[in-house]
C-alpha atoms as a PDB file:
ATOM      1  CA  MET A   1     -33.802   7.373  75.705  1.00  0.00           C
ATOM      2  CA  ARG A   2     -36.653   9.774  74.973  1.00  0.00           C
ATOM      3  CA  ARG A   3     -34.076  12.496  74.268  1.00  0.00           C
ATOM      4  CA  LYS A   4     -32.309  10.363  71.706  1.00  0.00           C
ATOM      5  CA  VAL A   5     -35.554   9.676  69.889  1.00  0.00           C
ATOM      6  CA  LEU A   6     -36.300  13.425  69.650  1.00  0.00           C
ATOM      7  CA  VAL A   7     -32.795  14.102  68.245  1.00  0.00           C
ATOM      8  CA  PHE A   8     -33.271  11.379  65.621  1.00  0.00           C
ATOM      9  CA  ARG A   9     -36.659  12.800  64.560  1.00  0.00           C
ATOM     10  CA  ARG A  10     -35.167  16.310  64.138  1.00  0.00           C
ATOM     11  CA  LEU A  11     -32.342  15.013  61.998  1.00  0.00           C
ATOM     12  CA  PHE A  12     -34.753  12.927  59.907  1.00  0.00           C
ATOM     13  CA  LEU A  13     -36.973  16.003  59.232  1.00  0.00           C
ATOM     14  CA  ARG A  14     -33.982  18.093  58.271  1.00  0.00           C
ATOM     15  CA  GLY A  15     -32.928  15.385  55.770  1.00  0.00           C
ATOM     16  CA  ILE A  16     -36.321  15.378  54.180  1.00  0.00           C
ATOM     17  CA  ILE A  17     -36.281  19.193  53.825  1.00  0.00           C
ATOM     18  CA  CYS A  18     -32.819  19.156  52.251  1.00  0.00           C
ATOM     19  CA  MET A  19     -33.786  16.468  49.742  1.00  0.00           C
ATOM     20  CA  SER A  20     -36.893  18.490  48.815  1.00  0.00           C
ATOM     21  CA  VAL A  21     -34.783  21.575  48.153  1.00  0.00           C
ATOM     22  CA  ILE A  22     -32.303  19.643  46.009  1.00  0.00           C
ATOM     23  CA  CYS A  23     -35.137  18.009  43.993  1.00  0.00           C
ATOM     24  CA  ASN A  24     -36.868  21.318  43.368  1.00  0.00           C
ATOM     25  CA  SER A  25     -33.585  22.886  42.327  1.00  0.00           C
ATOM     26  CA  CYS A  26     -32.986  20.040  39.836  1.00  0.00           C
ATOM     27  CA  LYS A  27     -36.449  20.380  38.410  1.00  0.00           C
ATOM     28  CA  GLY A  28     -35.808  24.048  37.818  1.00  0.00           C
ATOM     29  CA  GLU A  29     -32.626  23.308  35.898  1.00  0.00           C
ATOM     30  CA  ASN A  30     -34.244  20.568  33.851  1.00  0.00           C
ATOM     31  CA  LYS A  31     -36.700  23.002  32.296  1.00  0.00           C
ATOM     32  CA  ASN A  32     -34.006  24.214  29.863  1.00  0.00           C
ATOM     33  CA  TYR A  33     -31.815  21.056  29.784  1.00  0.00           C
ATOM     34  CA  GLU A  34     -30.922  19.585  26.386  1.00  0.00           C
ATOM     35  CA  PRO A  35     -28.769  16.449  26.223  1.00  0.00           C
ATOM     36  CA  THR A  36     -25.521  16.428  24.218  1.00  0.00           C
ATOM     37  CA  TYR A  37     -24.121  13.301  22.596  1.00  0.00           C
ATOM     38  CA  SER A  38     -20.498  12.363  22.121  1.00  0.00           C
ATOM     39  CA  VAL A  39     -19.209  11.445  18.688  1.00  0.00           C
ATOM     40  CA  ASP A  40     -19.804   7.793  17.788  1.00  0.00           C
ATOM     41  CA  THR A  41     -16.257   6.472  17.628  1.00  0.00           C
ATOM     42  CA  LEU A  42     -17.425   3.515  15.602  1.00  0.00           C
ATOM     43  CA  GLN A  43     -18.256   5.936  12.830  1.00  0.00           C
ATOM     44  CA  ASN A  44     -14.710   7.306  12.841  1.00  0.00           C
ATOM     45  CA  LYS A  45     -12.860   4.134  11.933  1.00  0.00           C
ATOM     46  CA  THR A  46      -9.140   4.091  11.123  1.00  0.00           C
ATOM     47  CA  LEU A  47      -8.261   2.029   8.071  1.00  0.00           C
ATOM     48  CA  LEU A  48      -4.660   0.806   7.673  1.00  0.00           C
ATOM     49  CA  TYR A  49      -3.381   1.324   4.149  1.00  0.00           C
ATOM     50  CA  GLY A  50      -0.438  -0.983   3.383  1.00  0.00           C
ATOM     51  CA  VAL A  51       2.382  -0.129   0.970  1.00  0.00           C
ATOM     52  CA  PRO A  52       5.387  -2.387   0.263  1.00  0.00           C
ATOM     53  CA  THR A  53       8.302  -0.356   1.688  1.00  0.00           C
ATOM     54  CA  GLN A  54       9.352   2.990   3.145  1.00  0.00           C
ATOM     55  CA  ALA A  55      10.228   4.179  -0.394  1.00  0.00           C
ATOM     56  CA  HIS A  56       6.488   3.962  -1.215  1.00  0.00           C
ATOM     57  CA  TYR A  57       5.393   5.997   1.842  1.00  0.00           C
ATOM     58  CA  GLY A  58       6.121   9.419   0.312  1.00  0.00           C
ATOM     59  CA  MET A  59       4.736   8.406  -3.077  1.00  0.00           C
ATOM     60  CA  HIS A  60       1.359   7.605  -1.520  1.00  0.00           C
ATOM     61  CA  ALA A  61       1.088  10.570   0.838  1.00  0.00           C
ATOM     62  CA  ALA A  62      -0.937  12.739  -1.593  1.00  0.00           C
ATOM     63  CA  PHE A  63      -3.141   9.809  -2.574  1.00  0.00           C
ATOM     64  CA  VAL A  64      -4.031   8.955   1.058  1.00  0.00           C
ATOM     65  CA  LYS A  65      -4.563  12.640   1.871  1.00  0.00           C
ATOM     66  CA  TYR A  66      -6.910  12.905  -1.118  1.00  0.00           C
ATOM     67  CA  LEU A  67      -9.012  10.001   0.254  1.00  0.00           C
ATOM     68  CA  ASN A  68      -9.047  11.396   3.780  1.00  0.00           C
ATOM     69  CA  ASP A  69     -10.070  14.844   2.531  1.00  0.00           C
ATOM     70  CA  HIS A  70     -13.062  13.458   0.606  1.00  0.00           C
ATOM     71  CA  ILE A  71     -14.389  10.680   2.878  1.00  0.00           C
ATOM     72  CA  SER A  72     -15.997  11.564   6.196  1.00  0.00           C
ATOM     73  CA  ALA A  73     -16.249   9.231   9.177  1.00  0.00           C
ATOM     74  CA  ILE A  74     -13.082   7.235   8.436  1.00  0.00           C
ATOM     75  CA  HIS A  75      -9.389   7.974   8.572  1.00  0.00           C
ATOM     76  CA  ILE A  76      -6.847   6.197   6.419  1.00  0.00           C
ATOM     77  CA  ARG A  77      -3.313   5.734   7.851  1.00  0.00           C
ATOM     78  CA  THR A  78      -0.416   4.542   5.735  1.00  0.00           C
ATOM     79  CA  VAL A  79       1.688   1.610   6.982  1.00  0.00           C
ATOM     80  CA  ALA A  80       4.986   0.928   5.278  1.00  0.00           C
ATOM     81  CA  SER A  81       6.956  -2.259   5.895  1.00  0.00           C
ATOM     82  CA  SER A  82      10.727  -2.611   6.350  1.00  0.00           C
ATOM     83  CA  ASN A  83      10.991  -4.678   3.190  1.00  0.00           C
ATOM     84  CA  PHE A  84       8.877  -6.380   0.548  1.00  0.00           C
ATOM     85  CA  SER A  85       8.878  -9.726   2.411  1.00  0.00           C
ATOM     86  CA  ALA A  86       7.573  -8.071   5.581  1.00  0.00           C
ATOM     87  CA  TYR A  87       4.831  -6.443   3.535  1.00  0.00           C
ATOM     88  CA  VAL A  88       3.733  -9.750   2.020  1.00  0.00           C
ATOM     89  CA  ASP A  89       3.667 -11.395   5.479  1.00  0.00           C
ATOM     90  CA  LYS A  90       1.347  -8.611   6.729  1.00  0.00           C
ATOM     91  CA  LEU A  91      -0.851  -8.959   3.682  1.00  0.00           C
ATOM     92  CA  ASN A  92      -1.086 -12.744   4.187  1.00  0.00           C
ATOM     93  CA  GLY A  93      -1.997 -12.154   7.780  1.00  0.00           C
ATOM     94  CA  ARG A  94      -4.804  -9.710   6.790  1.00  0.00           C
ATOM     95  CA  PHE A  95      -3.127  -6.921   8.783  1.00  0.00           C
ATOM     96  CA  PHE A  96      -4.042  -4.212   6.261  1.00  0.00           C
ATOM     97  CA  ASP A  97      -7.536  -2.908   5.637  1.00  0.00           C
ATOM     98  CA  VAL A  98      -6.591  -1.419   2.277  1.00  0.00           C
ATOM     99  CA  ALA A  99      -3.429  -2.333   0.346  1.00  0.00           C
ATOM    100  CA  LEU A 100      -1.615  -1.732  -2.883  1.00  0.00           C
ATOM    101  CA  ALA A 101      -0.538  -5.027  -4.389  1.00  0.00           C
ATOM    102  CA  ASN A 102       0.581  -6.535  -7.716  1.00  0.00           C
ATOM    103  CA  GLY A 103      -0.924  -8.961 -10.161  1.00  0.00           C
ATOM    104  CA  VAL A 104       0.639 -12.067  -8.561  1.00  0.00           C
ATOM    105  CA  LEU A 105      -0.565 -11.128  -5.051  1.00  0.00           C
ATOM    106  CA  ALA A 106      -3.997 -10.341  -6.417  1.00  0.00           C
ATOM    107  CA  LEU A 107      -4.450 -14.018  -7.319  1.00  0.00           C
ATOM    108  CA  ASP A 108      -4.618 -14.902  -3.641  1.00  0.00           C
ATOM    109  CA  SER A 109      -6.613 -11.870  -2.561  1.00  0.00           C
ATOM    110  CA  THR A 110      -9.954 -13.685  -2.404  1.00  0.00           C
ATOM    111  CA  ARG A 111      -8.480 -16.596  -0.428  1.00  0.00           C
ATOM    112  CA  LEU A 112      -6.953 -14.100   1.998  1.00  0.00           C
ATOM    113  CA  GLY A 113     -10.226 -12.277   2.536  1.00  0.00           C
ATOM    114  CA  TYR A 114      -9.672  -9.260   0.213  1.00  0.00           C
ATOM    115  CA  SER A 115     -11.601  -7.912  -2.724  1.00  0.00           C
ATOM    116  CA  ILE A 116     -10.159  -5.950  -5.619  1.00  0.00           C
ATOM    117  CA  LEU A 117     -11.310  -2.299  -5.625  1.00  0.00           C
ATOM    118  CA  GLY A 118      -9.729  -1.394  -8.993  1.00  0.00           C
ATOM    119  CA  THR A 119      -6.522  -1.422 -10.930  1.00  0.00           C
ATOM    120  CA  SER A 120      -4.046   1.258 -11.878  1.00  0.00           C
ATOM    121  CA  VAL A 121      -3.284   2.565 -15.334  1.00  0.00           C
ATOM    122  CA  GLU A 122       0.329   3.585 -15.410  1.00  0.00           C
ATOM    123  CA  GLU A 123       1.596   6.768 -16.992  1.00  0.00           C
ATOM    124  CA  GLU A 124       3.801   4.656 -19.295  1.00  0.00           C
ATOM    125  CA  ALA A 125       3.463   0.889 -18.722  1.00  0.00           C
ATOM    126  CA  ASN A 126       3.419  -1.575 -15.847  1.00  0.00           C
ATOM    127  CA  ALA A 127       6.647  -3.289 -16.808  1.00  0.00           C
ATOM    128  CA  GLY A 128      10.012  -4.318 -15.393  1.00  0.00           C
ATOM    129  CA  VAL A 129      13.330  -2.791 -16.429  1.00  0.00           C
ATOM    130  CA  ILE A 130      16.920  -4.017 -16.351  1.00  0.00           C
ATOM    131  CA  LEU A 131      19.329  -1.225 -15.495  1.00  0.00           C
ATOM    132  CA  VAL A 132      23.045  -0.894 -16.217  1.00  0.00           C
ATOM    133  CA  HIS A 133      25.740   1.736 -15.839  1.00  0.00           C
ATOM    134  CA  LYS A 134      25.977   3.986 -18.873  1.00  0.00           C
ATOM    135  CA  ASP A 135      29.712   3.354 -19.149  1.00  0.00           C
ATOM    136  CA  SER A 136      29.449  -0.430 -18.805  1.00  0.00           C
ATOM    137  CA  SER A 137      30.181  -2.881 -21.584  1.00  0.00           C
ATOM    138  CA  ILE A 138      26.884  -4.632 -21.079  1.00  0.00           C
ATOM    139  CA  ASN A 139      25.120  -4.342 -24.430  1.00  0.00           C
ATOM    140  CA  HIS A 140      23.769  -7.851 -24.938  1.00  0.00           C
ATOM    141  CA  ILE A 141      21.944 -10.175 -22.580  1.00  0.00           C
ATOM    142  CA  SER A 142      24.889 -12.632 -22.805  1.00  0.00           C
ATOM    143  CA  ASP A 143      27.028  -9.932 -21.273  1.00  0.00           C
ATOM    144  CA  LEU A 144      25.169 -10.392 -17.964  1.00  0.00           C
ATOM    145  CA  LYS A 145      26.774 -13.791 -17.421  1.00  0.00           C
ATOM    146  CA  ASP A 146      28.552 -13.969 -14.078  1.00  0.00           C
ATOM    147  CA  LYS A 147      27.308 -10.463 -13.102  1.00  0.00           C
ATOM    148  CA  THR A 148      25.785  -9.611  -9.733  1.00  0.00           C
ATOM    149  CA  VAL A 149      22.214  -8.304 -10.119  1.00  0.00           C
ATOM    150  CA  ALA A 150      20.595  -5.993  -7.565  1.00  0.00           C
ATOM    151  CA  THR A 151      16.946  -6.823  -6.862  1.00  0.00           C
ATOM    152  CA  THR A 152      14.145  -6.660  -4.362  1.00  0.00           C
ATOM    153  CA  GLY A 153      13.426 -10.317  -4.908  1.00  0.00           C
ATOM    154  CA  SER A 154      10.250 -12.334  -5.398  1.00  0.00           C
ATOM    155  CA  PRO A 155       7.308 -11.839  -5.278  1.00  0.00           C
ATOM    156  CA  ALA A 156       8.030  -8.329  -6.481  1.00  0.00           C
ATOM    157  CA  LEU A 157       6.507  -8.526  -9.989  1.00  0.00           C
ATOM    158  CA  GLY A 158       8.013  -5.733 -12.082  1.00  0.00           C
ATOM    159  CA  GLY A 159      11.051  -5.395  -9.813  1.00  0.00           C
ATOM    160  CA  HIS A 160      12.099  -9.054 -10.027  1.00  0.00           C
ATOM    161  CA  MET A 161       9.845 -11.662 -11.564  1.00  0.00           C
ATOM    162  CA  LEU A 162       9.279 -10.011 -14.961  1.00  0.00           C
ATOM    163  CA  PRO A 163      13.002  -9.200 -15.539  1.00  0.00           C
ATOM    164  CA  MET A 164      14.034 -12.736 -14.449  1.00  0.00           C
ATOM    165  CA  LEU A 165      11.657 -14.404 -16.853  1.00  0.00           C
ATOM    166  CA  TYR A 166      12.534 -11.947 -19.615  1.00  0.00           C
ATOM    167  CA  LEU A 167      16.262 -12.768 -19.285  1.00  0.00           C
ATOM    168  CA  PHE A 168      15.557 -16.494 -19.192  1.00  0.00           C
ATOM    169  CA  LYS A 169      13.381 -16.382 -22.332  1.00  0.00           C
ATOM    170  CA  ASN A 170      16.165 -14.440 -24.063  1.00  0.00           C
ATOM    171  CA  GLY A 171      18.832 -17.034 -23.502  1.00  0.00           C
ATOM    172  CA  LEU A 172      20.356 -16.310 -20.098  1.00  0.00           C
ATOM    173  CA  ASN A 173      20.251 -19.164 -17.521  1.00  0.00           C
ATOM    174  CA  VAL A 174      19.352 -16.975 -14.559  1.00  0.00           C
ATOM    175  CA  ASN A 175      19.419 -20.030 -12.292  1.00  0.00           C
ATOM    176  CA  LYS A 176      23.173 -20.467 -12.732  1.00  0.00           C
ATOM    177  CA  GLU A 177      24.706 -17.588 -14.717  1.00  0.00           C
ATOM    178  CA  ILE A 178      23.971 -14.575 -12.430  1.00  0.00           C
ATOM    179  CA  LYS A 179      24.182 -13.839  -8.746  1.00  0.00           C
ATOM    180  CA  LEU A 180      21.366 -11.989  -6.962  1.00  0.00           C
ATOM    181  CA  LYS A 181      21.989  -9.340  -4.356  1.00  0.00           C
ATOM    182  CA  TYR A 182      18.909  -8.314  -2.431  1.00  0.00           C
ATOM    183  CA  PHE A 183      17.759  -4.855  -1.351  1.00  0.00           C
ATOM    184  CA  GLU A 184      14.705  -3.728   0.503  1.00  0.00           C
ATOM    185  CA  SER A 185      13.261  -1.503  -2.263  1.00  0.00           C
ATOM    186  CA  PHE A 186      13.638  -0.495  -5.865  1.00  0.00           C
ATOM    187  CA  GLU A 187      14.915   2.856  -4.686  1.00  0.00           C
ATOM    188  CA  SER A 188      17.719   1.112  -2.860  1.00  0.00           C
ATOM    189  CA  VAL A 189      18.556  -0.923  -5.956  1.00  0.00           C
ATOM    190  CA  ILE A 190      18.843   2.226  -8.063  1.00  0.00           C
ATOM    191  CA  LEU A 191      20.812   4.234  -5.515  1.00  0.00           C
ATOM    192  CA  ASN A 192      23.311   1.413  -5.021  1.00  0.00           C
ATOM    193  CA  MET A 193      23.802   1.284  -8.780  1.00  0.00           C
ATOM    194  CA  TYR A 194      24.345   5.005  -8.875  1.00  0.00           C
ATOM    195  CA  LEU A 195      26.959   4.698  -6.151  1.00  0.00           C
ATOM    196  CA  GLY A 196      28.743   2.038  -8.159  1.00  0.00           C
ATOM    197  CA  LYS A 197      28.107  -0.810  -5.741  1.00  0.00           C
ATOM    198  CA  CYS A 198      26.224  -2.893  -8.349  1.00  0.00           C
ATOM    199  CA  SER A 199      26.607  -3.167 -12.091  1.00  0.00           C
ATOM    200  CA  VAL A 200      23.110  -4.427 -12.954  1.00  0.00           C
ATOM    201  CA  GLY A 201      19.750  -3.935 -11.329  1.00  0.00           C
ATOM    202  CA  PHE A 202      16.046  -4.733 -11.612  1.00  0.00           C
ATOM    203  CA  SER A 203      13.284  -2.190 -11.062  1.00  0.00           C
ATOM    204  CA  THR A 204       9.817  -1.418 -12.223  1.00  0.00           C
ATOM    205  CA  LEU A 205       9.555   1.206 -14.997  1.00  0.00           C
ATOM    206  CA  ASN A 206       7.376   3.265 -12.686  1.00  0.00           C
ATOM    207  CA  GLY A 207       9.910   2.933  -9.835  1.00  0.00           C
ATOM    208  CA  TRP A 208      12.720   4.076 -12.139  1.00  0.00           C
ATOM    209  CA  ASN A 209      10.746   7.092 -13.314  1.00  0.00           C
ATOM    210  CA  THR A 210       9.839   8.026  -9.745  1.00  0.00           C
ATOM    211  CA  VAL A 211      13.401   7.942  -8.488  1.00  0.00           C
ATOM    212  CA  VAL A 212      14.823   9.835 -11.471  1.00  0.00           C
ATOM    213  CA  LYS A 213      12.142  12.492 -11.077  1.00  0.00           C
ATOM    214  CA  LYS A 214      13.398  13.163  -7.561  1.00  0.00           C
ATOM    215  CA  ARG A 215      17.107  12.543  -8.334  1.00  0.00           C
ATOM    216  CA  PRO A 216      17.670  13.515 -11.974  1.00  0.00           C
ATOM    217  CA  GLU A 217      21.468  13.189 -11.547  1.00  0.00           C
ATOM    218  CA  ILE A 218      21.015   9.371 -11.354  1.00  0.00           C
ATOM    219  CA  ALA A 219      20.188   9.278 -15.094  1.00  0.00           C
ATOM    220  CA  SER A 220      23.673  10.612 -15.790  1.00  0.00           C
ATOM    221  CA  LYS A 221      25.209   7.316 -14.673  1.00  0.00           C
ATOM    222  CA  VAL A 222      22.443   4.688 -14.855  1.00  0.00           C
ATOM    223  CA  ALA A 223      20.218   3.778 -17.811  1.00  0.00           C
ATOM    224  CA  ILE A 224      17.535   1.325 -18.846  1.00  0.00           C
ATOM    225  CA  ARG A 225      19.033  -1.381 -21.071  1.00  0.00           C
ATOM    226  CA  TRP A 226      15.993  -3.642 -21.465  1.00  0.00           C
ATOM    227  CA  THR A 227      12.259  -3.317 -20.704  1.00  0.00           C
ATOM    228  CA  THR A 228       9.993  -6.300 -20.231  1.00  0.00           C
ATOM    229  CA  PRO A 229       6.537  -6.682 -21.817  1.00  0.00           C
ATOM    230  CA  ALA A 230       3.876  -4.773 -19.914  1.00  0.00           C
ATOM    231  CA  VAL A 231       1.210  -6.378 -17.753  1.00  0.00           C
ATOM    232  CA  VAL A 232      -2.064  -5.194 -16.272  1.00  0.00           C
ATOM    233  CA  GLY A 233      -1.760  -2.537 -13.587  1.00  0.00           C
ATOM    234  CA  ASN A 234      -1.497  -2.870  -9.801  1.00  0.00           C
ATOM    235  CA  PRO A 235      -4.661  -3.771  -7.866  1.00  0.00           C
ATOM    236  CA  LEU A 236      -5.955  -1.865  -4.914  1.00  0.00           C
ATOM    237  CA  LEU A 237      -7.248  -4.362  -2.327  1.00  0.00           C
ATOM    238  CA  ILE A 238      -9.714  -3.933   0.504  1.00  0.00           C
ATOM    239  CA  ARG A 239     -10.529  -6.370   3.242  1.00  0.00           C
ATOM    240  CA  ASN A 240     -13.915  -8.079   2.966  1.00  0.00           C
ATOM    241  CA  ASN A 241     -15.117  -6.976   6.418  1.00  0.00           C
ATOM    242  CA  ILE A 242     -15.187  -3.316   5.457  1.00  0.00           C
ATOM    243  CA  GLY A 243     -18.693  -1.916   5.209  1.00  0.00           C
ATOM    244  CA  GLU A 244     -20.316  -1.591   1.809  1.00  0.00           C
ATOM    245  CA  ASP A 245     -20.876   2.161   2.243  1.00  0.00           C
ATOM    246  CA  THR A 246     -17.143   2.741   2.820  1.00  0.00           C
ATOM    247  CA  VAL A 247     -16.185   0.516  -0.114  1.00  0.00           C
ATOM    248  CA  GLY A 248     -18.591   2.411  -2.359  1.00  0.00           C
ATOM    249  CA  LYS A 249     -17.178   5.803  -1.325  1.00  0.00           C
ATOM    250  CA  ILE A 250     -13.569   4.725  -1.970  1.00  0.00           C
ATOM    251  CA  LYS A 251     -14.474   3.251  -5.350  1.00  0.00           C
ATOM    252  CA  ASN A 252     -16.229   6.401  -6.355  1.00  0.00           C
ATOM    253  CA  LEU A 253     -13.230   8.503  -5.374  1.00  0.00           C
ATOM    254  CA  ILE A 254     -10.520   6.420  -7.080  1.00  0.00           C
ATOM    255  CA  PHE A 255     -12.445   6.118 -10.310  1.00  0.00           C
ATOM    256  CA  THR A 256     -13.102   9.863 -10.602  1.00  0.00           C
ATOM    257  CA  MET A 257      -9.997  11.468  -9.091  1.00  0.00           C
ATOM    258  CA  HIS A 258      -8.355  11.833 -12.515  1.00  0.00           C
ATOM    259  CA  LEU A 259     -11.046  14.282 -13.434  1.00  0.00           C
ATOM    260  CA  ASN A 260      -9.831  17.030 -11.101  1.00  0.00           C
ATOM    261  CA  GLU A 261      -6.479  18.738 -10.499  1.00  0.00           C
ATOM    262  CA  GLY A 262      -5.961  17.558  -6.963  1.00  0.00           C
ATOM    263  CA  GLY A 263      -6.698  13.963  -7.929  1.00  0.00           C
ATOM    264  CA  ARG A 264      -4.393  14.108 -10.979  1.00  0.00           C
ATOM    265  CA  LYS A 265      -1.565  15.383  -8.776  1.00  0.00           C
ATOM    266  CA  ALA A 266      -2.009  12.557  -6.277  1.00  0.00           C
ATOM    267  CA  LEU A 267      -2.049  10.000  -9.186  1.00  0.00           C
ATOM    268  CA  ALA A 268       1.023  11.590 -10.711  1.00  0.00           C
ATOM    269  CA  ASP A 269       2.973  10.984  -7.492  1.00  0.00           C
ATOM    270  CA  LEU A 270       2.140   7.301  -7.897  1.00  0.00           C
ATOM    271  CA  GLY A 271       3.053   7.271 -11.581  1.00  0.00           C
ATOM    272  CA  TYR A 272      -0.586   6.499 -12.474  1.00  0.00           C
ATOM    273  CA  ARG A 273      -2.967   8.097 -14.959  1.00  0.00           C
ATOM    274  CA  LYS A 274      -6.065   6.752 -13.298  1.00  0.00           C
ATOM    275  CA  PHE A 275      -7.777   3.794 -11.639  1.00  0.00           C
ATOM    276  CA  VAL A 276     -10.289   1.652 -13.536  1.00  0.00           C
ATOM    277  CA  PRO A 277     -12.705  -1.054 -12.343  1.00  0.00           C
ATOM    278  CA  ALA A 278     -11.257  -4.542 -11.962  1.00  0.00           C
ATOM    279  CA  ASP A 279     -12.041  -7.858 -10.257  1.00  0.00           C
ATOM    280  CA  SER A 280     -10.438 -11.274  -9.800  1.00  0.00           C
ATOM    281  CA  ASN A 281     -11.010 -12.087 -13.496  1.00  0.00           C
ATOM    282  CA  THR A 282      -8.730  -9.197 -14.432  1.00  0.00           C
ATOM    283  CA  TYR A 283      -5.741 -11.082 -12.994  1.00  0.00           C
ATOM    284  CA  LYS A 284      -6.461 -14.588 -14.257  1.00  0.00           C
ATOM    285  CA  PRO A 285      -3.706 -14.314 -16.909  1.00  0.00           C
ATOM    286  CA  PHE A 286      -1.167 -14.224 -14.075  1.00  0.00           C
ATOM    287  CA  ARG A 287      -1.873 -17.861 -13.327  1.00  0.00           C
ATOM    288  CA  GLU A 288      -0.269 -18.797 -16.643  1.00  0.00           C
ATOM    289  CA  PHE A 289       2.522 -16.368 -15.963  1.00  0.00           C
ATOM    290  CA  LEU A 290       3.237 -18.065 -12.619  1.00  0.00           C
ATOM    291  CA  LYS A 291       3.281 -21.517 -14.243  1.00  0.00           C
ATOM    292  CA  GLU A 292       5.801 -20.302 -16.783  1.00  0.00           C
ATOM    293  CA  TYR A 293       7.848 -18.499 -14.212  1.00  0.00           C
ATOM    294  CA  HIS A 294       8.112 -21.407 -11.775  1.00  0.00           C
ATOM    295  CA  ALA A 295       8.847 -23.822 -14.580  1.00  0.00           C
ATOM    296  CA  SER A 296      11.743 -21.609 -15.713  1.00  0.00           C
ATOM    297  CA  ILE A 297      13.102 -19.994 -12.540  1.00  0.00           C
ATOM    298  CA  ILE A 298      13.950 -23.088 -10.545  1.00  0.00           C
ATOM    299  CA  ILE A 299      16.547 -21.838  -8.044  1.00  0.00           C
ATOM    300  CA  GLU A 300      16.534 -18.440  -6.363  1.00  0.00           C
ATOM    301  CA  PRO A 301      19.091 -17.868  -3.603  1.00  0.00           C
ATOM    302  CA  LYS A 302      17.437 -17.030  -0.322  1.00  0.00           C
ATOM    303  CA  LYS A 303      17.862 -13.629   1.326  1.00  0.00           C
END
């Protein structure tokens, strides 16, 4: 028994000595120790930037890169939807942090929890166009009767709603006298017309210019026959839960990017000259537009 006690005491003393050595060693290292801190991931937030369709993805690449190159602590990632309806569903569900919209969608932005950062000023005009084949016999609006029209569908403003109302106000009963064929983007509309699969198509003026710039041969077969009256530019929306500092930085960038070469190039890819300040009051005229539209365009075949 006594022997066991002596062994225990020896082991205990050895443990104390070892702990003393370790502690002294640590103290020596602590003399020159300086703590290092990891990057605060909360300061490197990823914002999802929503665009209507895949056709818009490439158009916005330079714009998004410009924002990322000039704003620290956040990263903006582009999200393109499969079609315009899917994009609207995501917008209604507040999926996007930042989003390009149109005047009609801007009306509900406050209700959906978004604010308007600014509005675009187009290189030409924010208008809709009605396209036909150059060798077609469609020269008057009445010639569209019984034709099949390629479109992205509502609520695409320039690519559907403006052309529909324009035709109605110029004597064509669009509820009964034309057939609508739906495509996922303005680019699809134009390409299908070029391939001879459709005789008439709706697009935005900006969309037409963008496609023809990339594919100039399209203009040899397809042409603008009518252009609708222009409306105010497209709003850039941001979700209301984004910090004021970030909002301020984005606003400062988009309102000044037309003043430098890199910014002008990014804007040119979008078909814009610049962004200017805007708010919900900017888009109030669209309430009257919607009233007129829904009073005139009664039946639209579903996709």
